[in-house]
Amino acid sequence: MPDGSWTLSDRQAAAQAIMHLGEDDLRYLNRLIIDRLKLIAQARSTVLLSQFNVGDRVSFPTSSGIHKTGTVQKLNKKTASIVTDDGERWNVAPGLLSPVTDLPSRR
């Protein structure tokens, strides 16, 4: 178990306890869970973004499955701003980015 991590040893008992909570308590618990999930996602994003620097060459898939290649222009809180080789600007989640090593072509 990682440092500072807790596990739910009896999920059945937790589910049973939740079944008896009132609306106000459920809304409070929901807010805690959402906040925690956002924190975990932000930490994951920060770790992934730390692998890149402004000026790095990267590639990423678009929603249509086309792979674009470009340069990191800015590292935002949750995304990297990329300018593609054809001049398009994209904000891309760091989990979709792959570093590109431009190798000189051999002739």
C-alpha atoms as a PDB file:
ATOM      1  CA  MET A   1       0.000   0.000   0.000  1.00  0.00           C
ATOM      2  CA  PRO A   2       1.488   3.406  -1.021  1.00  0.00           C
ATOM      3  CA  ASP A   3       2.318   5.935   1.687  1.00  0.00           C
ATOM      4  CA  GLY A   4      -0.745   7.824   2.898  1.00  0.00           C
ATOM      5  CA  SER A   5      -3.112   5.467   1.108  1.00  0.00           C
ATOM      6  CA  TRP A   6      -6.101   3.843   2.741  1.00  0.00           C
ATOM      7  CA  THR A   7      -8.158   0.936   1.539  1.00  0.00           C
ATOM      8  CA  LEU A   8     -11.758   0.064   2.186  1.00  0.00           C
ATOM      9  CA  SER A   9     -11.453  -3.294   3.944  1.00  0.00           C
ATOM     10  CA  ASP A  10     -15.169  -4.080   4.014  1.00  0.00           C
ATOM     11  CA  ARG A  11     -16.905  -2.669   0.967  1.00  0.00           C
ATOM     12  CA  GLN A  12     -20.118  -4.461   1.838  1.00  0.00           C
ATOM     13  CA  ALA A  13     -20.295  -2.713   5.224  1.00  0.00           C
ATOM     14  CA  ALA A  14     -19.560   0.638   3.571  1.00  0.00           C
ATOM     15  CA  ALA A  15     -22.308   0.065   1.005  1.00  0.00           C
ATOM     16  CA  GLN A  16     -24.691  -0.849   3.807  1.00  0.00           C
ATOM     17  CA  ALA A  17     -23.816   2.314   5.733  1.00  0.00           C
ATOM     18  CA  ILE A  18     -24.376   4.431   2.629  1.00  0.00           C
ATOM     19  CA  MET A  19     -27.819   2.886   2.167  1.00  0.00           C
ATOM     20  CA  HIS A  20     -28.867   4.367   5.533  1.00  0.00           C
ATOM     21  CA  LEU A  21     -27.599   7.923   4.931  1.00  0.00           C
ATOM     22  CA  GLY A  22     -29.999  10.788   4.384  1.00  0.00           C
ATOM     23  CA  GLU A  23     -29.969  13.155   1.425  1.00  0.00           C
ATOM     24  CA  ASP A  24     -27.824  15.840   3.093  1.00  0.00           C
ATOM     25  CA  ASP A  25     -25.207  13.301   4.182  1.00  0.00           C
ATOM     26  CA  LEU A  26     -25.184  11.708   0.718  1.00  0.00           C
ATOM     27  CA  ARG A  27     -24.659  15.095  -0.950  1.00  0.00           C
ATOM     28  CA  TYR A  28     -21.804  15.839   1.457  1.00  0.00           C
ATOM     29  CA  LEU A  29     -20.207  12.436   0.803  1.00  0.00           C
ATOM     30  CA  ASN A  30     -20.662  12.912  -2.940  1.00  0.00           C
ATOM     31  CA  ARG A  31     -18.869  16.285  -2.799  1.00  0.00           C
ATOM     32  CA  LEU A  32     -15.965  14.712  -0.863  1.00  0.00           C
ATOM     33  CA  ILE A  33     -15.662  11.910  -3.410  1.00  0.00           C
ATOM     34  CA  ILE A  34     -15.775  14.265  -6.397  1.00  0.00           C
ATOM     35  CA  ASP A  35     -13.158  16.551  -4.847  1.00  0.00           C
ATOM     36  CA  ARG A  36     -10.883  13.577  -4.133  1.00  0.00           C
ATOM     37  CA  LEU A  37     -11.246  12.213  -7.669  1.00  0.00           C
ATOM     38  CA  LYS A  38     -10.415  15.644  -9.112  1.00  0.00           C
ATOM     39  CA  LEU A  39      -7.303  15.823  -6.921  1.00  0.00           C
ATOM     40  CA  ILE A  40      -6.157  12.378  -8.069  1.00  0.00           C
ATOM     41  CA  ALA A  41      -6.742  13.296 -11.736  1.00  0.00           C
ATOM     42  CA  GLN A  42      -4.852  16.577 -11.310  1.00  0.00           C
ATOM     43  CA  ALA A  43      -1.897  14.789  -9.693  1.00  0.00           C
ATOM     44  CA  ARG A  44      -1.811  12.248 -12.523  1.00  0.00           C
ATOM     45  CA  SER A  45      -1.971  15.041 -15.119  1.00  0.00           C
ATOM     46  CA  THR A  46       0.835  16.961 -13.393  1.00  0.00           C
ATOM     47  CA  VAL A  47       3.083  13.893 -13.424  1.00  0.00           C
ATOM     48  CA  LEU A  48       2.386  13.273 -17.111  1.00  0.00           C
ATOM     49  CA  LEU A  49       2.894  16.943 -18.026  1.00  0.00           C
ATOM     50  CA  SER A  50       6.233  17.003 -16.196  1.00  0.00           C
ATOM     51  CA  GLN A  51       7.611  14.681 -18.879  1.00  0.00           C
ATOM     52  CA  PHE A  52       7.373  17.492 -21.451  1.00  0.00           C
ATOM     53  CA  ASN A  53       8.919  20.932 -21.883  1.00  0.00           C
ATOM     54  CA  VAL A  54       8.060  23.894 -24.058  1.00  0.00           C
ATOM     55  CA  GLY A  55       9.678  23.295 -27.447  1.00  0.00           C
ATOM     56  CA  ASP A  56       9.444  19.502 -27.318  1.00  0.00           C
ATOM     57  CA  ARG A  57       8.278  17.706 -30.451  1.00  0.00           C
ATOM     58  CA  VAL A  58       5.251  15.518 -29.787  1.00  0.00           C
ATOM     59  CA  SER A  59       2.602  13.514 -31.581  1.00  0.00           C
ATOM     60  CA  PHE A  60      -0.969  12.746 -30.581  1.00  0.00           C
ATOM     61  CA  PRO A  61      -4.068  11.104 -32.027  1.00  0.00           C
ATOM     62  CA  THR A  62      -7.076  13.258 -32.893  1.00  0.00           C
ATOM     63  CA  SER A  63     -10.640  12.166 -32.150  1.00  0.00           C
ATOM     64  CA  SER A  64     -10.902  11.009 -35.776  1.00  0.00           C
ATOM     65  CA  GLY A  65      -7.853   8.763 -35.358  1.00  0.00           C
ATOM     66  CA  ILE A  66      -5.424  10.900 -37.353  1.00  0.00           C
ATOM     67  CA  HIS A  67      -1.999  11.346 -35.769  1.00  0.00           C
ATOM     68  CA  LYS A  68      -0.749  14.933 -35.622  1.00  0.00           C
ATOM     69  CA  THR A  69       2.804  16.057 -34.941  1.00  0.00           C
ATOM     70  CA  GLY A  70       3.772  19.399 -33.492  1.00  0.00           C
ATOM     71  CA  THR A  71       5.625  21.430 -30.894  1.00  0.00           C
ATOM     72  CA  VAL A  72       4.690  22.128 -27.274  1.00  0.00           C
ATOM     73  CA  GLN A  73       4.012  25.859 -26.973  1.00  0.00           C
ATOM     74  CA  LYS A  74       2.748  25.988 -23.391  1.00  0.00           C
ATOM     75  CA  LEU A  75       2.114  23.656 -20.478  1.00  0.00           C
ATOM     76  CA  ASN A  76      -1.259  24.431 -18.935  1.00  0.00           C
ATOM     77  CA  LYS A  77      -2.765  23.088 -15.719  1.00  0.00           C
ATOM     78  CA  LYS A  78      -4.451  20.086 -17.371  1.00  0.00           C
ATOM     79  CA  THR A  79      -3.286  20.162 -21.002  1.00  0.00           C
ATOM     80  CA  ALA A  80      -0.391  21.041 -23.251  1.00  0.00           C
ATOM     81  CA  SER A  81      -0.886  23.649 -25.968  1.00  0.00           C
ATOM     82  CA  ILE A  82       0.470  22.253 -29.217  1.00  0.00           C
ATOM     83  CA  VAL A  83       1.048  23.926 -32.575  1.00  0.00           C
ATOM     84  CA  THR A  84       1.009  21.251 -35.253  1.00  0.00           C
ATOM     85  CA  ASP A  85       3.323  21.168 -38.238  1.00  0.00           C
ATOM     86  CA  ASP A  86       0.443  22.433 -40.406  1.00  0.00           C
ATOM     87  CA  GLY A  87      -0.186  25.432 -38.088  1.00  0.00           C
ATOM     88  CA  GLU A  88      -3.203  24.173 -36.144  1.00  0.00           C
ATOM     89  CA  ARG A  89      -3.452  24.855 -32.413  1.00  0.00           C
ATOM     90  CA  TRP A  90      -4.566  22.072 -30.085  1.00  0.00           C
ATOM     91  CA  ASN A  91      -4.928  21.690 -26.317  1.00  0.00           C
ATOM     92  CA  VAL A  92      -4.099  18.063 -25.646  1.00  0.00           C
ATOM     93  CA  ALA A  93      -4.354  15.954 -22.506  1.00  0.00           C
ATOM     94  CA  PRO A  94      -0.862  14.799 -21.506  1.00  0.00           C
ATOM     95  CA  GLY A  95      -1.883  11.133 -21.563  1.00  0.00           C
ATOM     96  CA  LEU A  96      -2.353  11.395 -25.333  1.00  0.00           C
ATOM     97  CA  LEU A  97       1.077  12.891 -26.043  1.00  0.00           C
ATOM     98  CA  SER A  98       4.066  10.913 -27.248  1.00  0.00           C
ATOM     99  CA  PRO A  99       7.545  12.377 -27.606  1.00  0.00           C
ATOM    100  CA  VAL A 100       8.869  12.544 -31.173  1.00  0.00           C
ATOM    101  CA  THR A 101      12.520  12.072 -31.918  1.00  0.00           C
ATOM    102  CA  ASP A 102      13.285  13.697 -35.237  1.00  0.00           C
ATOM    103  CA  LEU A 103      15.935  11.554 -36.835  1.00  0.00           C
ATOM    104  CA  PRO A 104      17.734  12.852 -39.900  1.00  0.00           C
ATOM    105  CA  SER A 105      16.752  10.894 -43.008  1.00  0.00           C
ATOM    106  CA  ARG A 106      19.460   8.657 -44.477  1.00  0.00           C
ATOM    107  CA  ARG A 107      20.122   8.787 -48.212  1.00  0.00           C
END
